[in-house]
Amino acid sequence: MKLSPTHKFFSATAAVSVLLLTAACGSSSSDGGSTSPTSAATTDSSNGGSSSDATFKDGSYSGEASYANPGGVSKLKVALTLADSKITKIKVTPEATDPTSKGHQTDFAGGIAAETVGKRIDALNVSVVAGSSLTHLGFDKVIQQIEAEAKA
């Protein structure tokens, strides 16, 4: 297919816009412990007090949640292990059916352990991981479910 010069210009402009937006979304500040410029996970103490007062039962937990994204609605599963209220092991299983969403979930799944293992479950504030800027919406829902289930 041959594109006219006008179409080429608009295609190039759109591509540059997407790249700039993606770069802006992926440049969130990190907690200092991550070396990846496209990952951000911080501890959250904005809940009016120290979150370290809560205790959670040791054990293995899992859950599933859905979230909206440009490809539609995607699901993802999370399985994790808690010890002393901290995440010691985590696995995210992508369940998106849209190829783009599945790719983002796969990238997120590959980077989430580095952002969460060793941290308190109630202090997580995960946003962009491996360039995936919306997958955390489903992840956060599952973490809330697991927190409720694991509260001692």
Protein backbone atom coordinates (compact mmCIF):
# COMPACT_ATOMS: atom_id res chain seq x y z
CA MET A 1 0.00 0.00 0.00
CA LYS A 2 1.40 3.38 -1.02
CA LEU A 3 0.73 6.32 1.27
CA SER A 4 0.44 9.90 0.09
CA PRO A 5 2.90 12.43 1.57
CA THR A 6 0.10 13.82 3.75
CA HIS A 7 -0.67 10.39 5.16
CA LYS A 8 3.01 9.74 5.78
CA PHE A 9 3.29 13.04 7.65
CA PHE A 10 0.28 12.30 9.86
CA SER A 11 1.44 8.74 10.47
CA ALA A 12 4.87 9.96 11.51
CA THR A 13 3.34 12.66 13.72
CA ALA A 14 1.06 10.11 15.39
CA ALA A 15 3.99 7.75 15.96
CA VAL A 16 6.09 10.49 17.54
CA SER A 17 3.16 11.52 19.74
CA VAL A 18 2.69 7.97 20.97
CA LEU A 19 6.40 7.64 21.70
CA LEU A 20 6.45 10.91 23.63
CA LEU A 21 3.38 9.92 25.64
CA THR A 22 4.82 6.50 26.36
CA ALA A 23 8.10 8.05 27.47
CA ALA A 24 6.26 10.50 29.72
CA CYS A 25 4.19 7.71 31.28
CA GLY A 26 7.25 5.56 31.83
CA SER A 27 9.33 8.26 33.49
CA SER A 28 7.70 8.06 36.90
CA SER A 29 10.09 8.43 39.76
CA SER A 30 11.04 5.24 41.49
CA ASP A 31 11.71 4.45 45.11
CA GLY A 32 15.47 4.59 44.58
CA GLY A 33 15.84 0.82 44.91
CA SER A 34 15.01 0.16 41.29
CA THR A 35 17.46 0.65 38.48
CA SER A 36 14.79 0.46 35.79
CA PRO A 37 13.67 3.87 34.50
CA THR A 38 10.28 2.42 33.54
CA SER A 39 9.36 0.98 36.91
CA ALA A 40 7.91 2.65 39.95
CA ALA A 41 6.90 1.09 43.23
CA THR A 42 6.90 2.97 46.49
CA THR A 43 5.79 2.43 50.01
CA ASP A 44 2.67 4.34 50.96
CA SER A 45 2.34 5.92 54.37
CA SER A 46 -0.32 8.42 53.31
CA ASN A 47 -3.08 6.45 55.04
CA GLY A 48 -2.83 8.61 58.13
CA GLY A 49 -0.35 6.45 60.02
CA SER A 50 2.22 3.80 59.70
CA SER A 51 0.99 0.85 57.71
CA SER A 52 3.46 -1.35 59.59
CA ASP A 53 1.01 -1.59 62.52
CA ALA A 54 -1.15 -4.09 60.63
CA THR A 55 -0.26 -7.76 60.64
CA PHE A 56 -1.08 -10.35 58.03
CA LYS A 57 -1.22 -14.12 58.31
CA ASP A 58 1.69 -15.97 56.74
CA GLY A 59 0.74 -18.15 53.83
CA SER A 60 0.05 -18.39 50.13
CA TYR A 61 -2.72 -16.31 48.59
CA SER A 62 -4.10 -15.75 45.12
CA GLY A 63 -6.73 -13.74 43.36
CA GLU A 64 -7.94 -12.49 40.02
CA ALA A 65 -9.20 -9.10 38.88
CA SER A 66 -10.16 -7.24 35.75
CA TYR A 67 -9.46 -3.69 34.67
CA ALA A 68 -10.27 -1.45 31.71
CA ASN A 69 -7.68 -0.48 29.11
CA PRO A 70 -7.71 0.72 25.47
CA GLY A 71 -7.93 -2.91 24.30
CA GLY A 72 -11.11 -3.52 26.34
CA VAL A 73 -11.30 -5.26 29.68
CA SER A 74 -8.41 -7.48 30.72
CA LYS A 75 -8.00 -9.97 33.55
CA LEU A 76 -4.93 -11.01 35.43
CA LYS A 77 -4.10 -13.44 38.24
CA VAL A 78 -1.74 -12.86 41.13
CA ALA A 79 -0.35 -15.50 43.48
CA LEU A 80 1.93 -14.55 46.35
CA THR A 81 3.41 -15.78 49.58
CA LEU A 82 3.51 -13.71 52.77
CA ALA A 83 5.87 -14.08 55.72
CA ASP A 84 5.97 -11.52 58.52
CA SER A 85 3.54 -9.37 56.49
CA LYS A 86 6.07 -9.15 53.65
CA ILE A 87 5.87 -10.59 50.17
CA THR A 88 8.44 -13.36 49.79
CA LYS A 89 7.29 -14.72 46.43
CA ILE A 90 4.97 -13.38 43.72
CA LYS A 91 3.72 -14.51 40.34
CA VAL A 92 1.48 -12.58 37.97
CA THR A 93 -0.28 -14.62 35.28
CA PRO A 94 -1.44 -12.64 32.24
CA GLU A 95 -4.97 -13.46 31.10
CA ALA A 96 -5.60 -10.67 28.57
CA THR A 97 -6.98 -11.74 25.21
CA ASP A 98 -6.01 -8.57 23.33
CA PRO A 99 -2.44 -9.05 22.00
CA THR A 100 -1.27 -5.59 23.07
CA SER A 101 -2.72 -5.96 26.56
CA LYS A 102 -1.24 -9.45 26.87
CA GLY A 103 2.17 -8.05 25.94
CA HIS A 104 1.92 -5.35 28.60
CA GLN A 105 0.80 -7.90 31.19
CA THR A 106 3.68 -10.18 30.27
CA ASP A 107 6.15 -7.30 30.68
CA PHE A 108 4.53 -6.38 34.02
CA ALA A 109 4.71 -10.01 35.19
CA GLY A 110 8.41 -10.11 34.34
CA GLY A 111 9.22 -7.03 36.41
CA ILE A 112 6.85 -7.19 39.38
CA ALA A 113 8.96 -9.40 41.66
CA ALA A 114 11.79 -6.88 41.68
CA GLU A 115 9.32 -4.20 42.78
CA THR A 116 7.48 -6.14 45.49
CA VAL A 117 9.46 -9.00 47.04
CA GLY A 118 10.68 -8.02 50.49
CA LYS A 119 8.10 -5.25 50.89
CA ARG A 120 5.08 -5.15 53.17
CA ILE A 121 1.88 -5.97 51.34
CA ASP A 122 0.07 -3.01 52.88
CA ALA A 123 2.80 -0.58 51.86
CA LEU A 124 2.78 -1.33 48.13
CA ASN A 125 2.07 1.46 45.69
CA VAL A 126 2.85 -0.06 42.30
CA SER A 127 2.35 2.03 39.20
CA VAL A 128 4.40 1.61 36.03
CA VAL A 129 6.33 -1.66 35.79
CA ALA A 130 8.35 -2.49 32.67
CA GLY A 131 6.49 0.18 30.69
CA SER A 132 3.07 -1.24 31.49
CA SER A 133 1.09 1.72 32.78
CA LEU A 134 -2.40 0.20 33.26
CA THR A 135 -1.78 -3.39 34.40
CA HIS A 136 -1.25 -2.15 37.95
CA LEU A 137 -4.98 -1.35 38.10
CA GLY A 138 -5.85 -5.05 38.09
CA PHE A 139 -2.85 -5.88 40.25
CA ASP A 140 -3.91 -3.34 42.89
CA LYS A 141 -7.41 -4.87 43.05
CA VAL A 142 -5.97 -8.33 43.69
CA ILE A 143 -3.60 -6.98 46.35
CA GLN A 144 -6.57 -5.37 48.14
CA GLN A 145 -8.45 -8.71 48.03
CA ILE A 146 -5.44 -10.56 49.44
CA GLU A 147 -4.89 -7.96 52.16
CA ALA A 148 -8.50 -8.41 53.31
CA GLU A 149 -8.14 -12.19 53.30
CA ALA A 150 -4.77 -12.21 55.07
CA LYS A 151 -5.51 -9.67 57.85
CA ALA A 152 -4.69 -11.26 61.15
